[in-house]
Amino acid sequence: MVMKAIGENKIHWYGISSDTHSAHTFAALYPEAVRKFVLDGRPFLPLMRNMALSVSGVGRSDFAYTTTDNQPDSIVDAELALEAFFITCNSAKAACSSKGASTSAQQLKARFKVIDQKLESTPFASPGFQAIDWSVFHLFLLTAVIDSSAFFPILADFLTELE
């Protein structure tokens, strides 16, 4: 609306750090409204293959918002971090609230995939809190894999609650 008020019909965008992701999302949604973008970093989100942030009008895809050859390394690293969660949780026995009846990291991963798929169509409702949909879940996953020492125990509790 501001652009129209000043007689502009295309945007100029200077995106730094995580704002790079916002710029890519905007360009995907409104390519006709883009004049020039200056971006100083690669997208911060998403880091995991097939875990693209669900933005209205932008579907999931492998390597969404990829802008450099380095992006796939970040995706692989994030996937390895998530794999480390399953292995760590399985090894932790009762100390990991997500372990449940699982006897292997592969079983934990399978349960995770069920939660992930369910959240794509049905948000998790908790009285007094915002509904947790696929996008919110993946934003939390991003935090968990970046700071695993602090967030793996919280991720375990979170997955248990979602299940």
C-alpha atoms as a PDB file:
ATOM      1  CA  MET A   1       0.000   0.000   0.000  1.00  0.00           C
ATOM      2  CA  VAL A   2       2.866   2.368   0.770  1.00  0.00           C
ATOM      3  CA  MET A   3       4.400   1.628  -2.622  1.00  0.00           C
ATOM      4  CA  LYS A   4       1.177   2.535  -4.395  1.00  0.00           C
ATOM      5  CA  ALA A   5       0.838   5.704  -2.339  1.00  0.00           C
ATOM      6  CA  ILE A   6       4.210   6.945  -3.605  1.00  0.00           C
ATOM      7  CA  GLY A   7       3.564   5.830  -7.169  1.00  0.00           C
ATOM      8  CA  GLU A   8       5.830   2.756  -7.195  1.00  0.00           C
ATOM      9  CA  ASN A   9       4.646  -0.604  -8.429  1.00  0.00           C
ATOM     10  CA  LYS A  10       7.832  -2.612  -7.795  1.00  0.00           C
ATOM     11  CA  ILE A  11       9.850  -3.106  -4.635  1.00  0.00           C
ATOM     12  CA  HIS A  12      13.540  -2.524  -3.940  1.00  0.00           C
ATOM     13  CA  TRP A  13      14.737  -4.797  -1.131  1.00  0.00           C
ATOM     14  CA  TYR A  14      17.939  -4.818   0.898  1.00  0.00           C
ATOM     15  CA  GLY A  15      17.939  -8.105   2.785  1.00  0.00           C
ATOM     16  CA  ILE A  16      20.530  -9.029   5.378  1.00  0.00           C
ATOM     17  CA  SER A  17      20.891 -12.244   7.348  1.00  0.00           C
ATOM     18  CA  SER A  18      17.548 -14.009   7.831  1.00  0.00           C
ATOM     19  CA  ASP A  19      15.793 -11.258   5.867  1.00  0.00           C
ATOM     20  CA  THR A  20      17.212 -13.026   2.816  1.00  0.00           C
ATOM     21  CA  HIS A  21      14.608 -15.740   3.400  1.00  0.00           C
ATOM     22  CA  SER A  22      11.827 -13.148   3.553  1.00  0.00           C
ATOM     23  CA  ALA A  23      13.008 -11.688   0.260  1.00  0.00           C
ATOM     24  CA  HIS A  24      12.987 -15.082  -1.438  1.00  0.00           C
ATOM     25  CA  THR A  25       9.512 -15.795  -0.101  1.00  0.00           C
ATOM     26  CA  PHE A  26       8.230 -12.407  -1.268  1.00  0.00           C
ATOM     27  CA  ALA A  27       9.756 -12.947  -4.724  1.00  0.00           C
ATOM     28  CA  ALA A  28       8.144 -16.387  -4.960  1.00  0.00           C
ATOM     29  CA  LEU A  29       4.742 -14.996  -4.013  1.00  0.00           C
ATOM     30  CA  TYR A  30       4.873 -11.720  -5.965  1.00  0.00           C
ATOM     31  CA  PRO A  31       7.456 -11.930  -8.766  1.00  0.00           C
ATOM     32  CA  GLU A  32       5.730  -9.149 -10.673  1.00  0.00           C
ATOM     33  CA  ALA A  33       6.323  -6.750  -7.767  1.00  0.00           C
ATOM     34  CA  VAL A  34      10.119  -7.170  -7.625  1.00  0.00           C
ATOM     35  CA  ARG A  35      12.406  -4.551  -9.135  1.00  0.00           C
ATOM     36  CA  LYS A  36      15.762  -5.091  -7.385  1.00  0.00           C
ATOM     37  CA  PHE A  37      16.943  -7.165  -4.462  1.00  0.00           C
ATOM     38  CA  VAL A  38      20.292  -6.896  -2.699  1.00  0.00           C
ATOM     39  CA  LEU A  39      20.821  -9.945  -0.496  1.00  0.00           C
ATOM     40  CA  ASP A  40      23.917 -10.513   1.603  1.00  0.00           C
ATOM     41  CA  GLY A  41      23.340 -14.015   2.852  1.00  0.00           C
ATOM     42  CA  ARG A  42      21.797 -17.261   1.889  1.00  0.00           C
ATOM     43  CA  PRO A  43      18.411 -18.149   3.348  1.00  0.00           C
ATOM     44  CA  PHE A  44      18.383 -19.114   7.018  1.00  0.00           C
ATOM     45  CA  LEU A  45      15.231 -21.211   6.713  1.00  0.00           C
ATOM     46  CA  PRO A  46      14.674 -23.969   5.900  1.00  0.00           C
ATOM     47  CA  LEU A  47      17.743 -26.056   6.475  1.00  0.00           C
ATOM     48  CA  MET A  48      16.266 -29.482   6.022  1.00  0.00           C
ATOM     49  CA  ARG A  49      15.371 -31.248   2.782  1.00  0.00           C
ATOM     50  CA  ASN A  50      11.596 -31.574   2.363  1.00  0.00           C
ATOM     51  CA  MET A  51      11.099 -29.329   5.365  1.00  0.00           C
ATOM     52  CA  ALA A  52      10.602 -26.058   3.562  1.00  0.00           C
ATOM     53  CA  LEU A  53       8.749 -23.499   5.624  1.00  0.00           C
ATOM     54  CA  SER A  54       5.126 -23.684   4.567  1.00  0.00           C
ATOM     55  CA  VAL A  55       4.197 -20.238   3.342  1.00  0.00           C
ATOM     56  CA  SER A  56       0.759 -19.596   1.915  1.00  0.00           C
ATOM     57  CA  GLY A  57       1.016 -20.014  -1.834  1.00  0.00           C
ATOM     58  CA  VAL A  58       4.496 -21.544  -1.749  1.00  0.00           C
ATOM     59  CA  GLY A  59       4.544 -25.332  -1.754  1.00  0.00           C
ATOM     60  CA  ARG A  60       7.084 -27.640  -0.185  1.00  0.00           C
ATOM     61  CA  SER A  61       9.970 -28.756  -2.321  1.00  0.00           C
ATOM     62  CA  ASP A  62      13.501 -30.067  -2.028  1.00  0.00           C
ATOM     63  CA  PHE A  63      16.058 -27.314  -1.463  1.00  0.00           C
ATOM     64  CA  ALA A  64      13.436 -24.589  -1.393  1.00  0.00           C
ATOM     65  CA  TYR A  65      14.905 -21.099  -1.581  1.00  0.00           C
ATOM     66  CA  THR A  66      18.345 -22.448  -2.465  1.00  0.00           C
ATOM     67  CA  THR A  67      20.565 -19.668  -3.773  1.00  0.00           C
ATOM     68  CA  THR A  68      24.092 -21.004  -3.478  1.00  0.00           C
ATOM     69  CA  ASP A  69      25.946 -24.250  -3.977  1.00  0.00           C
ATOM     70  CA  ASN A  70      26.598 -24.296  -0.225  1.00  0.00           C
ATOM     71  CA  GLN A  71      22.940 -24.642   0.724  1.00  0.00           C
ATOM     72  CA  PRO A  72      22.774 -28.424   0.265  1.00  0.00           C
ATOM     73  CA  ASP A  73      25.623 -28.820   2.802  1.00  0.00           C
ATOM     74  CA  SER A  74      23.506 -26.976   5.363  1.00  0.00           C
ATOM     75  CA  ILE A  75      20.571 -29.208   4.569  1.00  0.00           C
ATOM     76  CA  VAL A  76      22.670 -32.343   4.992  1.00  0.00           C
ATOM     77  CA  ASP A  77      24.094 -31.012   8.271  1.00  0.00           C
ATOM     78  CA  ALA A  78      20.613 -30.340   9.636  1.00  0.00           C
ATOM     79  CA  GLU A  79      19.443 -33.803   8.618  1.00  0.00           C
ATOM     80  CA  LEU A  80      22.455 -35.300  10.388  1.00  0.00           C
ATOM     81  CA  ALA A  81      21.620 -33.279  13.498  1.00  0.00           C
ATOM     82  CA  LEU A  82      18.074 -34.618  13.454  1.00  0.00           C
ATOM     83  CA  GLU A  83      19.433 -38.158  12.984  1.00  0.00           C
ATOM     84  CA  ALA A  84      21.666 -37.498  16.003  1.00  0.00           C
ATOM     85  CA  PHE A  85      18.546 -36.697  18.019  1.00  0.00           C
ATOM     86  CA  PHE A  86      17.017 -40.094  17.197  1.00  0.00           C
ATOM     87  CA  ILE A  87      20.268 -41.912  18.045  1.00  0.00           C
ATOM     88  CA  THR A  88      20.786 -39.926  21.259  1.00  0.00           C
ATOM     89  CA  CYS A  89      17.205 -40.383  22.384  1.00  0.00           C
ATOM     90  CA  ASN A  90      17.338 -44.121  21.734  1.00  0.00           C
ATOM     91  CA  SER A  91      20.609 -44.403  23.691  1.00  0.00           C
ATOM     92  CA  ALA A  92      19.280 -42.322  26.589  1.00  0.00           C
ATOM     93  CA  LYS A  93      16.681 -44.942  27.482  1.00  0.00           C
ATOM     94  CA  ALA A  94      14.225 -43.582  30.080  1.00  0.00           C
ATOM     95  CA  ALA A  95      15.962 -40.189  30.188  1.00  0.00           C
ATOM     96  CA  CYS A  96      14.423 -39.380  26.784  1.00  0.00           C
ATOM     97  CA  SER A  97      10.694 -38.838  27.097  1.00  0.00           C
ATOM     98  CA  SER A  98      10.202 -39.568  23.377  1.00  0.00           C
ATOM     99  CA  LYS A  99      11.720 -43.053  23.512  1.00  0.00           C
ATOM    100  CA  GLY A 100       8.501 -44.725  24.604  1.00  0.00           C
ATOM    101  CA  ALA A 101       8.316 -48.297  23.306  1.00  0.00           C
ATOM    102  CA  SER A 102      10.805 -47.644  20.504  1.00  0.00           C
ATOM    103  CA  THR A 103      13.771 -49.997  20.446  1.00  0.00           C
ATOM    104  CA  SER A 104      15.806 -48.244  17.748  1.00  0.00           C
ATOM    105  CA  ALA A 105      16.600 -44.844  16.294  1.00  0.00           C
ATOM    106  CA  GLN A 106      14.796 -45.957  13.127  1.00  0.00           C
ATOM    107  CA  GLN A 107      11.585 -46.529  15.096  1.00  0.00           C
ATOM    108  CA  LEU A 108      11.883 -43.076  16.651  1.00  0.00           C
ATOM    109  CA  LYS A 109      12.369 -41.584  13.192  1.00  0.00           C
ATOM    110  CA  ALA A 110       9.297 -43.445  11.892  1.00  0.00           C
ATOM    111  CA  ARG A 111       7.210 -42.030  14.748  1.00  0.00           C
ATOM    112  CA  PHE A 112       8.600 -38.565  13.971  1.00  0.00           C
ATOM    113  CA  LYS A 113       7.537 -38.934  10.327  1.00  0.00           C
ATOM    114  CA  VAL A 114       3.989 -39.817  11.393  1.00  0.00           C
ATOM    115  CA  ILE A 115       3.816 -36.644  13.512  1.00  0.00           C
ATOM    116  CA  ASP A 116       5.283 -34.589  10.666  1.00  0.00           C
ATOM    117  CA  GLN A 117       2.753 -35.899   8.136  1.00  0.00           C
ATOM    118  CA  LYS A 118      -0.168 -35.461  10.533  1.00  0.00           C
ATOM    119  CA  LEU A 119       0.740 -31.820  11.198  1.00  0.00           C
ATOM    120  CA  GLU A 120       0.623 -31.052   7.469  1.00  0.00           C
ATOM    121  CA  SER A 121      -3.139 -31.502   7.487  1.00  0.00           C
ATOM    122  CA  THR A 122      -4.181 -31.238  11.128  1.00  0.00           C
ATOM    123  CA  PRO A 123      -2.710 -28.640  13.510  1.00  0.00           C
ATOM    124  CA  PHE A 124      -2.201 -29.744  17.109  1.00  0.00           C
ATOM    125  CA  ALA A 125      -4.512 -27.778  19.378  1.00  0.00           C
ATOM    126  CA  SER A 126      -3.577 -27.157  22.992  1.00  0.00           C
ATOM    127  CA  PRO A 127      -5.924 -25.162  25.246  1.00  0.00           C
ATOM    128  CA  GLY A 128      -4.535 -21.722  25.978  1.00  0.00           C
ATOM    129  CA  PHE A 129      -1.809 -21.891  23.334  1.00  0.00           C
ATOM    130  CA  GLN A 130      -1.457 -21.171  19.635  1.00  0.00           C
ATOM    131  CA  ALA A 131      -2.223 -24.202  17.464  1.00  0.00           C
ATOM    132  CA  ILE A 132       0.925 -25.980  16.346  1.00  0.00           C
ATOM    133  CA  ASP A 133       0.881 -26.564  12.622  1.00  0.00           C
ATOM    134  CA  TRP A 134       3.536 -27.918  10.267  1.00  0.00           C
ATOM    135  CA  SER A 135       5.246 -24.524   9.942  1.00  0.00           C
ATOM    136  CA  VAL A 136       5.476 -23.910  13.686  1.00  0.00           C
ATOM    137  CA  PHE A 137       6.780 -27.452  14.168  1.00  0.00           C
ATOM    138  CA  HIS A 138       9.537 -26.913  11.602  1.00  0.00           C
ATOM    139  CA  LEU A 139      10.541 -23.566  13.042  1.00  0.00           C
ATOM    140  CA  PHE A 140      11.027 -25.335  16.352  1.00  0.00           C
ATOM    141  CA  LEU A 141      12.980 -28.149  14.652  1.00  0.00           C
ATOM    142  CA  LEU A 142      15.317 -25.574  13.199  1.00  0.00           C
ATOM    143  CA  THR A 143      16.018 -24.194  16.663  1.00  0.00           C
ATOM    144  CA  ALA A 144      16.508 -27.703  18.038  1.00  0.00           C
ATOM    145  CA  VAL A 145      19.092 -28.747  15.458  1.00  0.00           C
ATOM    146  CA  ILE A 146      21.013 -25.474  15.752  1.00  0.00           C
ATOM    147  CA  ASP A 147      21.301 -25.687  19.555  1.00  0.00           C
ATOM    148  CA  SER A 148      20.970 -29.396  20.233  1.00  0.00           C
ATOM    149  CA  SER A 149      22.470 -29.415  23.730  1.00  0.00           C
ATOM    150  CA  ALA A 150      19.782 -27.065  24.986  1.00  0.00           C
ATOM    151  CA  PHE A 151      16.865 -28.158  22.823  1.00  0.00           C
ATOM    152  CA  PHE A 152      17.102 -31.953  22.352  1.00  0.00           C
ATOM    153  CA  PRO A 153      15.435 -32.589  25.754  1.00  0.00           C
ATOM    154  CA  ILE A 154      12.724 -30.059  24.890  1.00  0.00           C
ATOM    155  CA  LEU A 155      12.309 -31.642  21.440  1.00  0.00           C
ATOM    156  CA  ALA A 156      11.807 -35.028  23.101  1.00  0.00           C
ATOM    157  CA  ASP A 157       9.059 -33.636  25.347  1.00  0.00           C
ATOM    158  CA  PHE A 158       7.530 -31.749  22.419  1.00  0.00           C
ATOM    159  CA  LEU A 159       7.343 -34.879  20.250  1.00  0.00           C
ATOM    160  CA  THR A 160       5.828 -36.849  23.116  1.00  0.00           C
ATOM    161  CA  GLU A 161       3.152 -34.187  23.549  1.00  0.00           C
ATOM    162  CA  LEU A 162       2.405 -34.064  19.815  1.00  0.00           C
ATOM    163  CA  GLU A 163       2.094 -37.819  19.603  1.00  0.00           C
END
